[in-house]
Structure formats: structure tokens, C-alpha cells
């Protein structure tokens, strides 16, 4: 039995080189055992490998330390993050209420604007189709006032004359309409007689 057989005996699963449990010391022990059994070229390669493994272990330790510090920092800030999330939720709820109130306000203003436009339209239509005349009281010359003709009396006389003119115009229209109807009746009778005699 040579030295390789003695060193390369059955290994436990925890002691294998690729396993996470095996550290740099186990690799170093295996390397030293192999170095004693082999030549100087193998020893140089193994020493380089061991140096790389030690650097890798140092780097992994630094990364693990940084991750531990980061985790502690995150645990410390967890309360602040919860408060921030609660504040954001409150802000979103208030924004939602604000949006709803703004929608109600916009709808109310739209209804008010439509009502205002309808009122203006109704007023304009009433002014266009209105047949009444408004005459305000006015002052008259001092000569007319000395004879007892005040502004109110002159306005009353003016309105009385307008009413008389309107009534006479309506009466004239009714008479003309009556004549037109009687002329139409005469034409209808004349047409009937002319067709009956043929």
C-alpha cells in the first residue's frame, strides 16, 4: 500500500472539498497530506490553491458581515417603513376623498351653469316675444307743469292713446278677416254653381 491509498481513504460527506461545511482548514490539511506524498510541482499548485481559498473565505466573511449589518439596519428601519406606508395609505385615502368631492363640485357647477344658461335663454326669449310696453315716469317742461300736466299724467295719457290704437287695430284686423272669409265663401259658391250648371 502506497501513500496515496492511505490519504485517499473513504471521506465523510462533511469533509468533502466541495461541501459547504468544509472550510479552508480542511482543504489545507488535505493539501499538506498530498504535498508530503507528491513532488514539489504539486506542492506549489496546492499552495496557490490554498491561498485562493483563504482569499475566498476572507471575501465571503466580509460579504457575510456586510449582509448582517444590512439586515440589522433593515430591522431597525422596519418601524419607520411601517409608519411611511401608513402615511402613504392615509394620503391615498385623503386623495380619493378629495377626488370625489371635486367630482361633486364639478357636477354642481355644471348644473348651476346649465341653470344659468336656461335662465338667460328664458329671459331673452321673453324679451323677444314680449308685446308689452314699459313707459317710465318722466319730467315735463315747466310750462306744461304749470298747467297741471305732470310727468305721471302725460304718461297715463300716452298709455291710454296706445291702448286705444291697439284696440282699433285689432278691430280693423277682425273686420278685414271677416271680409276675406265672406269673399272666400262667395268664390266657393260661385265655383259650385259653375260646376253644377255644366
N, C-alpha and C. Protein backbone atom coordinates (compact mmCIF):
# COMPACT_ATOMS: atom_id res chain seq x y z
N UNK A 1 0.84 -1.17 0.00
CA UNK A 1 0.00 0.00 0.00
C UNK A 1 0.89 1.23 0.00
N UNK A 2 0.63 2.13 -0.95
CA UNK A 2 1.45 3.34 -1.04
C UNK A 2 0.79 4.49 -0.28
N UNK A 3 1.42 5.66 -0.30
CA UNK A 3 0.94 6.81 0.49
C UNK A 3 -0.38 7.35 -0.03
N UNK A 4 -0.63 7.22 -1.33
CA UNK A 4 -1.88 7.73 -1.89
C UNK A 4 -3.07 6.97 -1.36
N UNK A 5 -2.89 5.65 -1.16
CA UNK A 5 -4.01 4.87 -0.63
C UNK A 5 -4.33 5.25 0.79
N UNK A 6 -3.33 5.57 1.56
CA UNK A 6 -3.57 5.91 2.94
C UNK A 6 -4.27 7.26 3.06
N UNK A 7 -3.92 8.17 2.19
CA UNK A 7 -4.51 9.51 2.27
C UNK A 7 -5.88 9.53 1.63
N UNK A 8 -6.08 8.75 0.56
CA UNK A 8 -7.32 8.82 -0.18
C UNK A 8 -8.34 7.83 0.32
N UNK A 9 -8.42 7.57 1.59
CA UNK A 9 -9.41 6.66 2.15
C UNK A 9 -10.80 7.25 2.04
N UNK A 10 -11.80 6.48 2.46
CA UNK A 10 -13.18 6.98 2.37
C UNK A 10 -13.35 8.24 3.21
N UNK A 11 -13.94 9.27 2.61
CA UNK A 11 -14.12 10.55 3.29
C UNK A 11 -15.56 10.68 3.74
N UNK A 12 -15.74 11.32 4.84
CA UNK A 12 -17.08 11.60 5.33
C UNK A 12 -17.70 12.69 4.45
N UNK A 13 -19.05 12.69 4.32
CA UNK A 13 -19.67 13.71 3.46
C UNK A 13 -19.39 15.12 3.93
N UNK A 14 -19.23 15.33 5.25
CA UNK A 14 -18.98 16.68 5.74
C UNK A 14 -17.58 17.15 5.44
N UNK A 15 -16.68 16.23 5.11
CA UNK A 15 -15.28 16.59 4.90
C UNK A 15 -14.94 16.72 3.44
N UNK A 16 -15.88 16.59 2.52
CA UNK A 16 -15.57 16.70 1.10
C UNK A 16 -15.23 18.14 0.78
N UNK A 17 -14.40 18.33 -0.23
CA UNK A 17 -13.90 19.67 -0.54
C UNK A 17 -15.00 20.60 -1.02
N UNK A 18 -15.96 20.12 -1.78
CA UNK A 18 -17.00 21.00 -2.35
C UNK A 18 -18.12 21.28 -1.39
N UNK A 19 -18.19 20.65 -0.25
CA UNK A 19 -19.32 20.82 0.65
C UNK A 19 -19.20 22.15 1.39
N UNK A 20 -20.34 22.71 1.81
CA UNK A 20 -20.30 23.99 2.49
C UNK A 20 -19.69 23.89 3.88
N UNK A 21 -19.64 22.66 4.47
CA UNK A 21 -19.10 22.53 5.82
C UNK A 21 -17.58 22.56 5.80
N UNK A 22 -17.02 22.08 4.71
CA UNK A 22 -15.55 22.02 4.62
C UNK A 22 -15.02 23.43 4.52
N UNK A 23 -14.11 23.80 5.35
CA UNK A 23 -13.56 25.15 5.37
C UNK A 23 -12.17 25.16 4.77
N UNK A 24 -11.52 26.28 4.94
CA UNK A 24 -10.16 26.42 4.41
C UNK A 24 -9.19 25.52 5.18
N UNK A 25 -9.44 25.24 6.47
CA UNK A 25 -8.54 24.39 7.26
C UNK A 25 -8.59 22.95 6.78
N UNK A 26 -9.77 22.43 6.44
CA UNK A 26 -9.85 21.06 5.94
C UNK A 26 -9.14 20.95 4.60
N UNK A 27 -9.31 21.94 3.74
CA UNK A 27 -8.62 21.93 2.46
C UNK A 27 -7.12 22.02 2.66
N UNK A 28 -6.72 22.79 3.67
CA UNK A 28 -5.30 22.92 3.96
C UNK A 28 -4.71 21.60 4.45
N UNK A 29 -5.46 20.91 5.26
CA UNK A 29 -4.96 19.62 5.78
C UNK A 29 -4.82 18.62 4.66
N UNK A 30 -5.76 18.58 3.76
CA UNK A 30 -5.69 17.67 2.62
C UNK A 30 -4.52 18.06 1.74
N UNK A 31 -4.33 19.33 1.55
CA UNK A 31 -3.22 19.81 0.72
C UNK A 31 -1.89 19.44 1.31
N UNK A 32 -1.73 19.56 2.62
CA UNK A 32 -0.47 19.21 3.26
C UNK A 32 -0.20 17.71 3.16
N UNK A 33 -1.25 16.92 3.30
CA UNK A 33 -1.07 15.47 3.19
C UNK A 33 -0.66 15.10 1.78
N UNK A 34 -1.25 15.71 0.79
CA UNK A 34 -0.89 15.43 -0.59
C UNK A 34 0.50 15.94 -0.90
N UNK A 35 0.87 17.08 -0.32
CA UNK A 35 2.20 17.64 -0.57
C UNK A 35 3.28 16.73 -0.04
N UNK A 36 3.03 16.11 1.06
CA UNK A 36 4.03 15.20 1.62
C UNK A 36 4.18 13.97 0.76
N UNK A 37 3.13 13.57 0.08
CA UNK A 37 3.17 12.37 -0.72
C UNK A 37 3.64 12.61 -2.14
N UNK A 38 3.59 13.81 -2.65
CA UNK A 38 3.94 14.08 -4.03
C UNK A 38 5.12 15.01 -4.13
N UNK A 39 5.42 15.41 -5.35
CA UNK A 39 6.61 16.21 -5.60
C UNK A 39 6.39 17.70 -5.39
N UNK A 40 7.44 18.54 -5.64
CA UNK A 40 7.40 19.98 -5.44
C UNK A 40 6.45 20.71 -6.41
N UNK A 41 6.21 20.20 -7.60
CA UNK A 41 5.30 20.87 -8.54
C UNK A 41 3.87 20.83 -8.01
N UNK A 42 3.50 19.72 -7.44
CA UNK A 42 2.16 19.60 -6.87
C UNK A 42 2.06 20.48 -5.64
N UNK A 43 3.10 20.57 -4.89
CA UNK A 43 3.09 21.39 -3.68
C UNK A 43 2.89 22.87 -4.03
N UNK A 44 3.51 23.36 -5.08
CA UNK A 44 3.35 24.76 -5.49
C UNK A 44 1.90 25.01 -5.95
N UNK A 45 1.33 24.09 -6.71
CA UNK A 45 -0.05 24.24 -7.15
C UNK A 45 -1.02 24.22 -5.98
N UNK A 46 -0.75 23.33 -5.03
CA UNK A 46 -1.62 23.26 -3.86
C UNK A 46 -1.50 24.51 -2.99
N UNK A 47 -0.31 25.04 -2.86
CA UNK A 47 -0.16 26.26 -2.05
C UNK A 47 -0.88 27.44 -2.71
N UNK A 48 -0.82 27.51 -4.04
CA UNK A 48 -1.58 28.56 -4.75
C UNK A 48 -3.08 28.38 -4.52
N UNK A 49 -3.52 27.13 -4.60
CA UNK A 49 -4.94 26.84 -4.37
C UNK A 49 -5.35 27.22 -2.96
N UNK A 50 -4.52 26.91 -2.00
CA UNK A 50 -4.83 27.25 -0.61
C UNK A 50 -4.88 28.76 -0.40
N UNK A 51 -3.99 29.49 -1.07
CA UNK A 51 -4.02 30.96 -0.96
C UNK A 51 -5.33 31.49 -1.53
N UNK A 52 -5.74 30.97 -2.67
CA UNK A 52 -7.01 31.40 -3.29
C UNK A 52 -8.19 31.08 -2.37
N UNK A 53 -8.16 29.90 -1.75
CA UNK A 53 -9.24 29.51 -0.86
C UNK A 53 -9.30 30.42 0.37
N UNK A 54 -8.13 30.81 0.87
CA UNK A 54 -8.12 31.72 2.01
C UNK A 54 -8.66 33.10 1.63
N UNK A 55 -8.31 33.58 0.44
CA UNK A 55 -8.84 34.87 -0.03
C UNK A 55 -10.35 34.78 -0.23
N UNK A 56 -10.80 33.66 -0.79
CA UNK A 56 -12.23 33.46 -1.00
C UNK A 56 -12.96 33.42 0.34
N UNK A 57 -12.39 32.72 1.32
CA UNK A 57 -13.01 32.66 2.65
C UNK A 57 -13.06 34.04 3.29
N UNK A 58 -11.99 34.85 3.13
CA UNK A 58 -11.98 36.21 3.66
C UNK A 58 -13.06 37.06 3.00
N UNK A 59 -13.17 36.93 1.67
CA UNK A 59 -14.18 37.70 0.93
C UNK A 59 -15.58 37.29 1.36
N UNK A 60 -15.80 35.98 1.53
CA UNK A 60 -17.11 35.52 1.96
C UNK A 60 -17.43 36.01 3.37
N UNK A 61 -16.43 36.07 4.24
CA UNK A 61 -16.65 36.58 5.59
C UNK A 61 -17.03 38.06 5.54
N UNK A 62 -16.36 38.84 4.68
CA UNK A 62 -16.69 40.26 4.54
C UNK A 62 -18.12 40.44 4.01
N UNK A 63 -18.47 39.62 3.01
CA UNK A 63 -19.83 39.71 2.46
C UNK A 63 -20.85 39.35 3.53
N UNK A 64 -20.56 38.30 4.31
CA UNK A 64 -21.48 37.89 5.38
C UNK A 64 -21.60 38.99 6.43
N UNK A 65 -20.50 39.65 6.76
CA UNK A 65 -20.55 40.76 7.73
C UNK A 65 -21.39 41.92 7.18
N UNK A 66 -21.18 42.25 5.92
CA UNK A 66 -21.98 43.33 5.31
C UNK A 66 -23.46 42.97 5.30
N UNK A 67 -23.78 41.73 4.94
CA UNK A 67 -25.18 41.31 4.93
C UNK A 67 -25.78 41.37 6.33
N UNK A 68 -25.01 41.00 7.34
CA UNK A 68 -25.50 41.07 8.72
C UNK A 68 -25.77 42.52 9.12
N UNK A 69 -24.85 43.45 8.75
CA UNK A 69 -25.06 44.87 9.07
C UNK A 69 -26.29 45.41 8.32
N UNK A 70 -26.43 44.99 7.05
CA UNK A 70 -27.59 45.43 6.28
C UNK A 70 -28.88 44.91 6.88
N UNK A 71 -28.89 43.67 7.30
CA UNK A 71 -30.07 43.09 7.92
C UNK A 71 -30.41 43.80 9.23
N UNK A 72 -29.40 44.12 10.06
CA UNK A 72 -29.64 44.86 11.29
C UNK A 72 -30.21 46.24 10.98
N UNK A 73 -29.66 46.88 9.97
CA UNK A 73 -30.16 48.21 9.57
C UNK A 73 -31.61 48.13 9.12
N UNK A 74 -31.93 47.11 8.34
CA UNK A 74 -33.31 46.96 7.86
C UNK A 74 -34.26 46.66 9.00
N UNK A 75 -33.81 45.88 9.97
CA UNK A 75 -34.65 45.58 11.14
C UNK A 75 -34.89 46.86 11.94
N UNK A 76 -33.85 47.70 12.09
CA UNK A 76 -34.01 48.97 12.79
C UNK A 76 -34.99 49.89 12.07
N UNK A 77 -34.95 49.88 10.74
CA UNK A 77 -35.80 50.77 9.94
C UNK A 77 -37.18 50.21 9.67
N UNK A 78 -37.48 48.99 10.10
CA UNK A 78 -38.77 48.37 9.82
C UNK A 78 -39.92 49.21 10.38
N UNK A 79 -39.75 49.75 11.58
CA UNK A 79 -40.79 50.59 12.18
C UNK A 79 -41.03 51.85 11.36
N UNK A 80 -39.94 52.47 10.91
CA UNK A 80 -40.07 53.67 10.08
C UNK A 80 -40.76 53.35 8.76
N UNK A 81 -40.43 52.20 8.17
CA UNK A 81 -41.06 51.82 6.91
C UNK A 81 -42.55 51.59 7.10
N UNK A 82 -42.94 50.99 8.24
CA UNK A 82 -44.37 50.78 8.51
C UNK A 82 -45.08 52.12 8.66
N UNK A 83 -44.44 53.07 9.37
CA UNK A 83 -45.03 54.40 9.52
C UNK A 83 -45.16 55.10 8.17
N UNK A 84 -44.16 54.94 7.32
CA UNK A 84 -44.20 55.56 5.99
C UNK A 84 -45.32 54.96 5.15
N UNK A 85 -45.48 53.66 5.21
CA UNK A 85 -46.55 53.01 4.45
C UNK A 85 -47.91 53.46 4.98
N UNK A 86 -48.06 53.57 6.30
CA UNK A 86 -49.32 54.04 6.88
C UNK A 86 -49.61 55.47 6.43
N UNK A 87 -48.57 56.32 6.40
CA UNK A 87 -48.76 57.71 5.95
C UNK A 87 -49.15 57.75 4.47
N UNK A 88 -48.55 56.89 3.67
CA UNK A 88 -48.92 56.83 2.24
C UNK A 88 -50.36 56.38 2.08
N UNK A 89 -50.79 55.39 2.86
CA UNK A 89 -52.18 54.92 2.78
C UNK A 89 -53.15 56.03 3.16
N UNK A 90 -52.82 56.77 4.23
CA UNK A 90 -53.67 57.89 4.63
C UNK A 90 -53.72 58.95 3.53
N UNK A 91 -52.58 59.24 2.93
CA UNK A 91 -52.54 60.22 1.84
C UNK A 91 -53.40 59.76 0.67
N UNK A 92 -53.33 58.47 0.33
CA UNK A 92 -54.14 57.96 -0.79
C UNK A 92 -55.63 58.03 -0.46
N UNK A 93 -56.00 57.73 0.80
CA UNK A 93 -57.42 57.83 1.18
C UNK A 93 -57.89 59.28 1.08
N UNK A 94 -57.06 60.22 1.57
CA UNK A 94 -57.45 61.63 1.51
C UNK A 94 -57.54 62.10 0.05
N UNK A 95 -56.63 61.61 -0.78
CA UNK A 95 -56.67 61.96 -2.20
C UNK A 95 -57.95 61.43 -2.85
N UNK A 96 -58.35 60.22 -2.46
CA UNK A 96 -59.58 59.63 -3.00
C UNK A 96 -60.80 60.46 -2.59
N UNK A 97 -60.85 60.86 -1.31
CA UNK A 97 -61.95 61.71 -0.83
C UNK A 97 -61.93 63.05 -1.56
N UNK A 98 -60.75 63.63 -1.73
CA UNK A 98 -60.63 64.91 -2.45
C UNK A 98 -61.14 64.78 -3.87
N UNK A 99 -60.78 63.69 -4.54
CA UNK A 99 -61.24 63.49 -5.92
C UNK A 99 -62.76 63.37 -5.98
N UNK A 100 -63.35 62.66 -5.02
CA UNK A 100 -64.82 62.54 -5.01
C UNK A 100 -65.48 63.89 -4.77
N UNK A 101 -64.96 64.65 -3.81
CA UNK A 101 -65.54 65.97 -3.54
C UNK A 101 -65.38 66.90 -4.74
N UNK A 102 -64.26 66.79 -5.42
CA UNK A 102 -64.05 67.61 -6.61
C UNK A 102 -65.04 67.23 -7.71
N UNK A 103 -65.33 65.94 -7.83
CA UNK A 103 -66.31 65.48 -8.81
C UNK A 103 -67.69 66.05 -8.48
N UNK A 104 -68.06 66.03 -7.19
CA UNK A 104 -69.35 66.59 -6.77
C UNK A 104 -69.38 68.09 -7.06
N UNK A 105 -68.29 68.77 -6.76
CA UNK A 105 -68.22 70.22 -7.02
C UNK A 105 -68.34 70.51 -8.51
N UNK A 106 -67.63 69.74 -9.33
CA UNK A 106 -67.70 69.95 -10.78
C UNK A 106 -69.11 69.70 -11.30
N UNK A 107 -69.76 68.65 -10.80
CA UNK A 107 -71.13 68.36 -11.24
C UNK A 107 -72.07 69.49 -10.80
N UNK A 108 -71.90 69.98 -9.56
CA UNK A 108 -72.73 71.09 -9.08
C UNK A 108 -72.53 72.35 -9.91
N UNK A 109 -71.28 72.64 -10.23
CA UNK A 109 -71.01 73.83 -11.06
C UNK A 109 -71.59 73.66 -12.47
N UNK A 110 -71.54 72.44 -12.99
CA UNK A 110 -72.12 72.21 -14.32
C UNK A 110 -73.63 72.41 -14.28
N UNK A 111 -74.29 71.90 -13.24
CA UNK A 111 -75.74 72.09 -13.12
C UNK A 111 -76.07 73.57 -12.95
N UNK A 112 -75.28 74.27 -12.13
CA UNK A 112 -75.50 75.70 -11.94
C UNK A 112 -75.31 76.47 -13.26
N UNK A 113 -74.27 76.10 -14.01
CA UNK A 113 -74.04 76.76 -15.30
C UNK A 113 -75.18 76.51 -16.27
N UNK A 114 -75.67 75.27 -16.32
CA UNK A 114 -76.79 74.95 -17.22
C UNK A 114 -78.04 75.73 -16.79
N UNK A 115 -78.30 75.78 -15.47
CA UNK A 115 -79.46 76.54 -14.98
C UNK A 115 -79.33 78.02 -15.33
N UNK A 116 -78.13 78.54 -15.21
CA UNK A 116 -77.90 79.95 -15.56
C UNK A 116 -78.14 80.19 -17.05
N UNK A 117 -77.64 79.29 -17.90
CA UNK A 117 -77.87 79.44 -19.34
C UNK A 117 -79.35 79.33 -19.68
N UNK A 118 -80.06 78.40 -19.04
CA UNK A 118 -81.50 78.28 -19.29
C UNK A 118 -82.22 79.55 -18.85
N UNK A 119 -81.83 80.09 -17.69
CA UNK A 119 -82.44 81.34 -17.22
C UNK A 119 -82.19 82.50 -18.17
N UNK A 120 -80.97 82.61 -18.66
CA UNK A 120 -80.66 83.69 -19.61
C UNK A 120 -81.44 83.48 -20.91
N UNK A 121 -81.51 82.24 -21.37
CA UNK A 121 -82.28 81.96 -22.59
C UNK A 121 -83.76 82.27 -22.42
N UNK A 122 -84.29 81.90 -21.27
CA UNK A 122 -85.71 82.18 -20.99
C UNK A 122 -85.95 83.69 -20.95
N UNK A 123 -85.04 84.43 -20.35
CA UNK A 123 -85.19 85.88 -20.28
C UNK A 123 -85.12 86.51 -21.67
N UNK A 124 -84.15 86.04 -22.47
CA UNK A 124 -84.03 86.59 -23.83
C UNK A 124 -85.27 86.25 -24.65
N UNK A 125 -85.76 85.01 -24.54
CA UNK A 125 -86.97 84.61 -25.28
C UNK A 125 -88.17 85.45 -24.85
N UNK A 126 -88.28 85.68 -23.53
CA UNK A 126 -89.39 86.51 -23.04
C UNK A 126 -89.28 87.94 -23.54
N UNK A 127 -88.05 88.45 -23.62
CA UNK A 127 -87.87 89.83 -24.10
C UNK A 127 -88.18 89.93 -25.58
N UNK A 128 -87.83 88.89 -26.35
CA UNK A 128 -88.07 88.93 -27.80
C UNK A 128 -89.56 88.80 -28.11
N UNK A 129 -90.25 87.93 -27.39
CA UNK A 129 -91.66 87.67 -27.71
C UNK A 129 -92.62 88.56 -26.94
N UNK A 130 -92.12 89.38 -26.05
CA UNK A 130 -92.99 90.22 -25.23
C UNK A 130 -93.57 91.36 -26.07
N UNK A 131 -94.86 91.62 -25.90
CA UNK A 131 -95.53 92.67 -26.65
C UNK A 131 -95.89 93.87 -25.77
N UNK A 132 -95.49 93.86 -24.54
CA UNK A 132 -95.85 94.96 -23.64
C UNK A 132 -94.85 96.11 -23.78
N UNK A 133 -95.32 97.26 -23.42
CA UNK A 133 -94.50 98.47 -23.49
C UNK A 133 -94.40 99.03 -22.08
N UNK A 134 -93.19 99.36 -21.69
CA UNK A 134 -92.96 99.95 -20.37
C UNK A 134 -92.58 101.41 -20.59
N UNK A 135 -93.35 102.27 -19.97
CA UNK A 135 -93.09 103.70 -20.06
C UNK A 135 -92.84 104.20 -18.65
N UNK A 136 -91.67 104.75 -18.41
CA UNK A 136 -91.34 105.27 -17.09
C UNK A 136 -91.81 106.71 -16.97
N UNK A 137 -92.05 107.09 -15.72
CA UNK A 137 -92.45 108.48 -15.49
C UNK A 137 -91.26 109.38 -15.82
N UNK A 138 -91.58 110.53 -16.33
CA UNK A 138 -90.51 111.46 -16.69
C UNK A 138 -90.95 112.87 -16.31
N UNK A 139 -90.03 113.78 -16.39
CA UNK A 139 -90.35 115.18 -16.06
C UNK A 139 -90.75 115.91 -17.33
N UNK A 140 -91.58 116.91 -17.16
CA UNK A 140 -92.04 117.68 -18.31
C UNK A 140 -91.50 119.11 -18.19
N UNK A 141 -91.71 119.85 -19.23
CA UNK A 141 -91.26 121.25 -19.24
C UNK A 141 -92.03 122.03 -18.17
N UNK A 142 -91.37 123.04 -17.63
CA UNK A 142 -92.04 123.81 -16.57
C UNK A 142 -93.35 124.47 -17.04
N UNK A 143 -93.46 124.80 -18.31
CA UNK A 143 -94.69 125.40 -18.82
C UNK A 143 -95.85 124.42 -18.75
N UNK A 144 -95.60 123.12 -19.12
CA UNK A 144 -96.66 122.11 -19.03
C UNK A 144 -96.99 121.80 -17.57
N UNK A 145 -95.99 121.85 -16.74
CA UNK A 145 -96.24 121.54 -15.33
C UNK A 145 -97.07 122.65 -14.68
N UNK A 146 -96.89 123.87 -15.12
CA UNK A 146 -97.69 124.98 -14.56
C UNK A 146 -99.16 124.85 -14.94
N UNK A 147 -99.46 124.16 -16.05
CA UNK A 147 -100.86 123.96 -16.46
C UNK A 147 -101.46 122.73 -15.81
N UNK A 148 -100.67 122.02 -14.96
CA UNK A 148 -101.21 120.84 -14.27
C UNK A 148 -100.85 119.54 -14.97
N UNK A 149 -100.04 119.58 -15.97
CA UNK A 149 -99.62 118.39 -16.71
C UNK A 149 -98.29 117.90 -16.13
N UNK A 150 -98.33 116.99 -15.17
CA UNK A 150 -97.10 116.45 -14.61
C UNK A 150 -96.64 115.25 -15.46
N UNK A 151 -95.46 114.72 -15.13
CA UNK A 151 -94.92 113.59 -15.90
C UNK A 151 -95.82 112.37 -15.81
N UNK A 152 -96.39 112.07 -14.66
CA UNK A 152 -97.27 110.92 -14.48
C UNK A 152 -98.54 111.04 -15.30
N UNK A 153 -99.09 112.25 -15.37
CA UNK A 153 -100.33 112.47 -16.14
C UNK A 153 -100.05 112.31 -17.63
N UNK A 154 -98.93 112.82 -18.11
CA UNK A 154 -98.58 112.70 -19.52
C UNK A 154 -98.37 111.23 -19.89
N UNK A 155 -97.73 110.47 -19.01
CA UNK A 155 -97.51 109.03 -19.26
C UNK A 155 -98.85 108.31 -19.31
N UNK A 156 -99.75 108.62 -18.40
CA UNK A 156 -101.07 107.98 -18.39
C UNK A 156 -101.82 108.28 -19.67
N UNK A 157 -101.77 109.54 -20.14
CA UNK A 157 -102.44 109.89 -21.40
C UNK A 157 -101.81 109.15 -22.57
N UNK A 158 -100.49 109.03 -22.56
CA UNK A 158 -99.79 108.31 -23.63
C UNK A 158 -100.20 106.83 -23.66
N UNK A 159 -100.26 106.20 -22.50
CA UNK A 159 -100.65 104.79 -22.44
C UNK A 159 -102.11 104.61 -22.86
N UNK A 160 -102.97 105.55 -22.47
CA UNK A 160 -104.38 105.46 -22.91
C UNK A 160 -104.48 105.53 -24.42
N UNK A 161 -103.72 106.40 -25.05
CA UNK A 161 -103.73 106.53 -26.51
C UNK A 161 -103.20 105.26 -27.16
N UNK A 162 -102.14 104.64 -26.58
CA UNK A 162 -101.61 103.38 -27.11
C UNK A 162 -102.65 102.27 -27.03
N UNK A 163 -103.37 102.21 -25.93
CA UNK A 163 -104.40 101.17 -25.76
C UNK A 163 -105.50 101.38 -26.79
N UNK A 164 -105.91 102.62 -27.01
CA UNK A 164 -106.96 102.91 -27.99
C UNK A 164 -106.49 102.53 -29.39
N UNK A 165 -105.21 102.82 -29.73
CA UNK A 165 -104.68 102.45 -31.05
C UNK A 165 -104.63 100.93 -31.21
N UNK A 166 -104.26 100.24 -30.17
CA UNK A 166 -104.19 98.77 -30.26
C UNK A 166 -105.57 98.17 -30.47
N UNK A 167 -106.54 98.67 -29.70
CA UNK A 167 -107.91 98.13 -29.84
C UNK A 167 -108.46 98.42 -31.23
N UNK A 168 -108.19 99.60 -31.78
CA UNK A 168 -108.70 99.91 -33.12
C UNK A 168 -108.01 99.05 -34.18
N UNK A 169 -106.71 98.74 -33.97
CA UNK A 169 -106.00 97.87 -34.91
C UNK A 169 -106.56 96.45 -34.87
N UNK A 170 -106.88 95.98 -33.68
CA UNK A 170 -107.47 94.63 -33.56
C UNK A 170 -108.83 94.60 -34.23
N UNK A 171 -109.61 95.65 -34.04
CA UNK A 171 -110.95 95.71 -34.65
C UNK A 171 -110.84 95.76 -36.17
N UNK A 172 -109.92 96.52 -36.70
CA UNK A 172 -109.72 96.60 -38.15
C UNK A 172 -109.30 95.24 -38.71
N UNK A 173 -108.43 94.52 -37.97
CA UNK A 173 -107.98 93.20 -38.41
C UNK A 173 -109.14 92.21 -38.46
N UNK A 174 -110.01 92.29 -37.44
CA UNK A 174 -111.16 91.37 -37.41
C UNK A 174 -112.12 91.66 -38.57
N UNK A 175 -112.32 92.92 -38.87
CA UNK A 175 -113.20 93.27 -40.00
C UNK A 175 -112.61 92.78 -41.31
N UNK A 176 -111.31 92.99 -41.50
CA UNK A 176 -110.66 92.55 -42.74
C UNK A 176 -110.69 91.03 -42.84
N UNK A 177 -110.56 90.35 -41.74
CA UNK A 177 -110.63 88.89 -41.75
C UNK A 177 -112.04 88.43 -42.09
N UNK A 178 -113.04 89.14 -41.58
CA UNK A 178 -114.43 88.82 -41.89
C UNK A 178 -114.71 89.02 -43.38
N UNK A 179 -114.19 90.09 -43.95
CA UNK A 179 -114.38 90.32 -45.37
C UNK A 179 -113.69 89.24 -46.20
N UNK A 180 -112.53 88.86 -45.79
CA UNK A 180 -111.80 87.84 -46.54
C UNK A 180 -112.55 86.53 -46.50
N UNK A 181 -113.14 86.23 -45.36
CA UNK A 181 -113.90 84.98 -45.27
C UNK A 181 -115.15 85.07 -46.14
N UNK A 182 -115.80 86.21 -46.13
CA UNK A 182 -117.01 86.33 -46.94
C UNK A 182 -116.66 86.28 -48.43
N UNK A 183 -115.52 86.85 -48.84
CA UNK A 183 -115.08 86.76 -50.23
C UNK A 183 -114.78 85.31 -50.60
N UNK A 184 -114.14 84.58 -49.68
CA UNK A 184 -113.84 83.18 -49.95
C UNK A 184 -115.12 82.37 -50.06
N UNK A 185 -116.08 82.70 -49.21
CA UNK A 185 -117.36 81.97 -49.31
C UNK A 185 -118.03 82.25 -50.65
N UNK A 186 -117.99 83.51 -51.09
CA UNK A 186 -118.59 83.84 -52.38
C UNK A 186 -117.91 83.10 -53.52
N UNK A 187 -116.60 82.99 -53.46
CA UNK A 187 -115.88 82.26 -54.50
C UNK A 187 -116.24 80.78 -54.49
N UNK A 188 -116.39 80.22 -53.31
CA UNK A 188 -116.75 78.80 -53.21
C UNK A 188 -118.14 78.57 -53.79
N UNK A 189 -119.08 79.46 -53.48
CA UNK A 189 -120.46 79.32 -54.00
C UNK A 189 -120.45 79.49 -55.52
N UNK A 190 -119.70 80.47 -56.04
CA UNK A 190 -119.64 80.70 -57.48
C UNK A 190 -119.01 79.49 -58.16
N UNK A 191 -118.01 78.90 -57.59
CA UNK A 191 -117.41 77.71 -58.18
C UNK A 191 -118.37 76.55 -58.16
N UNK A 192 -119.13 76.41 -57.11
CA UNK A 192 -120.08 75.33 -57.01
C UNK A 192 -121.18 75.49 -58.06
N UNK A 193 -121.64 76.74 -58.23
CA UNK A 193 -122.71 76.99 -59.21
C UNK A 193 -122.20 76.75 -60.63
N UNK A 194 -120.98 77.13 -60.90
CA UNK A 194 -120.46 76.95 -62.26
C UNK A 194 -120.27 75.49 -62.57
N UNK A 195 -119.90 74.67 -61.64
CA UNK A 195 -119.74 73.24 -61.90
C UNK A 195 -121.09 72.54 -61.96
N UNK A 196 -122.10 73.06 -61.28
CA UNK A 196 -123.42 72.43 -61.27
C UNK A 196 -124.15 72.66 -62.59
N UNK A 197 -123.94 73.79 -63.23
CA UNK A 197 -124.65 74.11 -64.47
C UNK A 197 -124.05 73.40 -65.67
N UNK A 198 -122.92 72.92 -65.64
CA UNK A 198 -122.29 72.26 -66.78
C UNK A 198 -122.84 70.94 -66.96
